[in-house]
Amino acid sequence: MARQSISFTKPNDEWLRSQVDREEYSSKSELVNDLIRQARKQQVQIDWIRTKLEKSEKSGFTKYTKEQILKQSKSLLNG
């Protein structure tokens, strides 16, 4: 695993420390890695939505109902 040295603002450092102190995570590194994983997953979802929106804008009207669109979106977001 790559080792990095990073600096945090005081409020962010205090928040990280509080999460470790509450035993939500065993270390700041574990927490930061988890936050990065969450951000990466969120970015995949954002990219998927952006692609769908761009495709939709180019294709005009959809044949799907709003219920079908919502169901498909939820299933993709929930993995």
N, C-alpha and C. Protein backbone atom coordinates (compact mmCIF):
# COMPACT_ATOMS: atom_id res chain seq x y z
N MET A 1 0.84 -1.16 0.00
CA MET A 1 0.00 0.00 0.00
C MET A 1 0.89 1.24 0.00
N ALA A 2 0.53 2.22 -0.82
CA ALA A 2 1.30 3.45 -0.90
C ALA A 2 1.13 4.27 0.37
N ARG A 3 2.21 4.84 0.82
CA ARG A 3 2.18 5.65 2.04
C ARG A 3 2.22 7.12 1.64
N GLN A 4 1.35 7.91 2.24
CA GLN A 4 1.24 9.33 1.91
C GLN A 4 1.26 10.15 3.19
N SER A 5 1.67 11.37 3.05
CA SER A 5 1.59 12.32 4.16
C SER A 5 0.66 13.44 3.71
N ILE A 6 -0.42 13.64 4.46
CA ILE A 6 -1.36 14.70 4.10
C ILE A 6 -1.66 15.55 5.33
N SER A 7 -2.09 16.78 5.08
CA SER A 7 -2.44 17.70 6.16
C SER A 7 -3.94 17.95 6.12
N PHE A 8 -4.52 18.12 7.30
CA PHE A 8 -5.94 18.40 7.43
C PHE A 8 -6.14 19.73 8.14
N THR A 9 -7.23 20.39 7.80
CA THR A 9 -7.60 21.58 8.57
C THR A 9 -7.97 21.11 9.97
N LYS A 10 -7.95 22.01 10.92
CA LYS A 10 -8.25 21.65 12.30
C LYS A 10 -9.64 21.01 12.44
N PRO A 11 -10.70 21.61 11.85
CA PRO A 11 -12.02 20.97 11.99
C PRO A 11 -12.07 19.56 11.38
N ASN A 12 -11.42 19.38 10.24
CA ASN A 12 -11.42 18.05 9.61
C ASN A 12 -10.63 17.05 10.45
N ASP A 13 -9.50 17.48 10.99
CA ASP A 13 -8.70 16.60 11.83
C ASP A 13 -9.48 16.20 13.09
N GLU A 14 -10.17 17.16 13.68
CA GLU A 14 -10.97 16.86 14.87
C GLU A 14 -12.09 15.88 14.55
N TRP A 15 -12.72 16.06 13.40
CA TRP A 15 -13.79 15.14 13.00
C TRP A 15 -13.23 13.74 12.77
N LEU A 16 -12.10 13.65 12.07
CA LEU A 16 -11.48 12.34 11.84
C LEU A 16 -11.15 11.68 13.17
N ARG A 17 -10.55 12.44 14.06
CA ARG A 17 -10.16 11.90 15.37
C ARG A 17 -11.40 11.42 16.14
N SER A 18 -12.49 12.18 16.05
CA SER A 18 -13.71 11.78 16.78
C SER A 18 -14.27 10.46 16.25
N GLN A 19 -14.17 10.25 14.95
CA GLN A 19 -14.65 8.99 14.37
C GLN A 19 -13.81 7.81 14.87
N VAL A 20 -12.52 8.02 14.97
CA VAL A 20 -11.62 6.96 15.46
C VAL A 20 -11.87 6.75 16.95
N ASP A 21 -12.03 7.85 17.70
CA ASP A 21 -12.28 7.75 19.15
C ASP A 21 -13.59 7.02 19.45
N ARG A 22 -14.58 7.20 18.59
CA ARG A 22 -15.87 6.51 18.77
C ARG A 22 -15.81 5.07 18.26
N GLU A 23 -14.64 4.69 17.79
CA GLU A 23 -14.39 3.33 17.29
C GLU A 23 -15.22 3.01 16.06
N GLU A 24 -15.56 4.06 15.30
CA GLU A 24 -16.21 3.84 14.00
C GLU A 24 -15.18 3.25 13.03
N TYR A 25 -13.94 3.68 13.21
CA TYR A 25 -12.82 3.22 12.39
C TYR A 25 -11.64 2.98 13.32
N SER A 26 -10.73 2.14 12.89
CA SER A 26 -9.58 1.84 13.73
C SER A 26 -8.46 2.87 13.57
N SER A 27 -8.48 3.64 12.48
CA SER A 27 -7.44 4.64 12.26
C SER A 27 -7.95 5.69 11.28
N LYS A 28 -7.26 6.81 11.25
CA LYS A 28 -7.59 7.86 10.28
C LYS A 28 -7.39 7.34 8.86
N SER A 29 -6.37 6.54 8.66
CA SER A 29 -6.11 6.00 7.32
C SER A 29 -7.27 5.15 6.83
N GLU A 30 -7.81 4.33 7.71
CA GLU A 30 -8.95 3.49 7.33
C GLU A 30 -10.14 4.38 6.96
N LEU A 31 -10.36 5.41 7.73
CA LEU A 31 -11.47 6.33 7.46
C LEU A 31 -11.28 7.07 6.15
N VAL A 32 -10.10 7.59 5.91
CA VAL A 32 -9.83 8.31 4.67
C VAL A 32 -10.00 7.38 3.47
N ASN A 33 -9.50 6.16 3.57
CA ASN A 33 -9.68 5.20 2.48
C ASN A 33 -11.16 4.91 2.24
N ASP A 34 -11.94 4.80 3.31
CA ASP A 34 -13.37 4.56 3.15
C ASP A 34 -14.05 5.75 2.48
N LEU A 35 -13.68 6.96 2.87
CA LEU A 35 -14.25 8.15 2.25
C LEU A 35 -13.91 8.21 0.76
N ILE A 36 -12.69 7.84 0.42
CA ILE A 36 -12.28 7.83 -0.99
C ILE A 36 -13.07 6.79 -1.76
N ARG A 37 -13.26 5.60 -1.18
CA ARG A 37 -14.07 4.56 -1.84
C ARG A 37 -15.49 5.06 -2.09
N GLN A 38 -16.06 5.72 -1.09
CA GLN A 38 -17.41 6.26 -1.24
C GLN A 38 -17.46 7.32 -2.34
N ALA A 39 -16.46 8.19 -2.38
CA ALA A 39 -16.41 9.23 -3.40
C ALA A 39 -16.27 8.62 -4.79
N ARG A 40 -15.46 7.57 -4.90
CA ARG A 40 -15.28 6.91 -6.20
C ARG A 40 -16.58 6.27 -6.65
N LYS A 41 -17.28 5.62 -5.73
CA LYS A 41 -18.56 5.00 -6.07
C LYS A 41 -19.57 6.06 -6.49
N GLN A 42 -19.59 7.17 -5.76
CA GLN A 42 -20.49 8.26 -6.09
C GLN A 42 -20.16 8.83 -7.47
N GLN A 43 -18.87 8.93 -7.80
CA GLN A 43 -18.48 9.45 -9.10
C GLN A 43 -18.95 8.53 -10.23
N VAL A 44 -18.89 7.23 -10.00
CA VAL A 44 -19.40 6.27 -11.00
C VAL A 44 -20.88 6.52 -11.23
N GLN A 45 -21.63 6.74 -10.15
CA GLN A 45 -23.06 6.99 -10.27
C GLN A 45 -23.32 8.30 -11.01
N ILE A 46 -22.56 9.33 -10.68
CA ILE A 46 -22.71 10.63 -11.34
C ILE A 46 -22.40 10.50 -12.83
N ASP A 47 -21.34 9.79 -13.16
CA ASP A 47 -20.97 9.59 -14.56
C ASP A 47 -22.07 8.84 -15.31
N TRP A 48 -22.66 7.83 -14.66
CA TRP A 48 -23.74 7.05 -15.29
C TRP A 48 -24.93 7.96 -15.57
N ILE A 49 -25.31 8.78 -14.58
CA ILE A 49 -26.44 9.69 -14.75
C ILE A 49 -26.15 10.72 -15.84
N ARG A 50 -24.93 11.26 -15.84
CA ARG A 50 -24.56 12.24 -16.85
C ARG A 50 -24.66 11.63 -18.25
N THR A 51 -24.16 10.42 -18.40
CA THR A 51 -24.22 9.74 -19.70
C THR A 51 -25.66 9.52 -20.13
N LYS A 52 -26.50 9.09 -19.19
CA LYS A 52 -27.91 8.87 -19.52
C LYS A 52 -28.59 10.18 -19.91
N LEU A 53 -28.28 11.24 -19.18
CA LEU A 53 -28.88 12.54 -19.51
C LEU A 53 -28.44 13.03 -20.88
N GLU A 54 -27.16 12.91 -21.18
CA GLU A 54 -26.67 13.33 -22.49
C GLU A 54 -27.31 12.52 -23.60
N LYS A 55 -27.41 11.20 -23.40
CA LYS A 55 -28.04 10.34 -24.40
C LYS A 55 -29.51 10.70 -24.56
N SER A 56 -30.18 10.96 -23.45
CA SER A 56 -31.60 11.32 -23.50
C SER A 56 -31.82 12.63 -24.22
N GLU A 57 -30.97 13.60 -23.93
CA GLU A 57 -31.11 14.90 -24.59
C GLU A 57 -30.95 14.78 -26.10
N LYS A 58 -30.10 13.89 -26.53
CA LYS A 58 -29.87 13.71 -27.96
C LYS A 58 -30.97 12.90 -28.64
N SER A 59 -31.63 12.01 -27.89
CA SER A 59 -32.60 11.10 -28.50
C SER A 59 -34.03 11.62 -28.47
N GLY A 60 -34.28 12.67 -27.70
CA GLY A 60 -35.65 13.19 -27.65
C GLY A 60 -36.45 12.53 -26.55
N PHE A 61 -37.71 12.24 -26.82
CA PHE A 61 -38.60 11.69 -25.81
C PHE A 61 -38.32 10.22 -25.54
N THR A 62 -38.65 9.79 -24.33
CA THR A 62 -38.45 8.40 -23.93
C THR A 62 -39.76 7.63 -24.03
N LYS A 63 -39.63 6.34 -24.17
CA LYS A 63 -40.82 5.49 -24.20
C LYS A 63 -41.11 4.92 -22.81
N TYR A 64 -40.19 5.15 -21.86
CA TYR A 64 -40.37 4.61 -20.51
C TYR A 64 -41.20 5.55 -19.65
N THR A 65 -41.95 4.96 -18.73
CA THR A 65 -42.73 5.76 -17.78
C THR A 65 -41.78 6.23 -16.67
N LYS A 66 -42.23 7.24 -15.92
CA LYS A 66 -41.39 7.72 -14.83
C LYS A 66 -41.16 6.63 -13.79
N GLU A 67 -42.13 5.74 -13.61
CA GLU A 67 -41.97 4.62 -12.67
C GLU A 67 -40.88 3.66 -13.14
N GLN A 68 -40.86 3.38 -14.44
CA GLN A 68 -39.83 2.49 -14.99
C GLN A 68 -38.44 3.12 -14.86
N ILE A 69 -38.36 4.41 -15.13
CA ILE A 69 -37.07 5.11 -15.02
C ILE A 69 -36.59 5.10 -13.58
N LEU A 70 -37.48 5.38 -12.64
CA LEU A 70 -37.13 5.38 -11.22
C LEU A 70 -36.68 3.99 -10.76
N LYS A 71 -37.40 2.97 -11.18
CA LYS A 71 -37.05 1.60 -10.79
C LYS A 71 -35.66 1.22 -11.32
N GLN A 72 -35.39 1.53 -12.57
CA GLN A 72 -34.09 1.22 -13.16
C GLN A 72 -32.98 2.00 -12.46
N SER A 73 -33.21 3.27 -12.19
CA SER A 73 -32.19 4.10 -11.52
C SER A 73 -31.89 3.55 -10.14
N LYS A 74 -32.92 3.19 -9.37
CA LYS A 74 -32.70 2.66 -8.03
C LYS A 74 -31.94 1.35 -8.07
N SER A 75 -32.28 0.49 -9.02
CA SER A 75 -31.59 -0.80 -9.09
C SER A 75 -30.10 -0.61 -9.43
N LEU A 76 -29.78 0.35 -10.27
CA LEU A 76 -28.39 0.60 -10.62
C LEU A 76 -27.63 1.26 -9.47
N LEU A 77 -28.29 2.16 -8.75
CA LEU A 77 -27.63 2.82 -7.62
C LEU A 77 -27.39 1.86 -6.46
N ASN A 78 -28.27 0.90 -6.28
CA ASN A 78 -28.15 -0.05 -5.17
C ASN A 78 -27.25 -1.22 -5.52
N GLY A 79 -26.75 -1.24 -6.73
CA GLY A 79 -25.80 -2.25 -7.15
C GLY A 79 -26.43 -3.57 -7.36
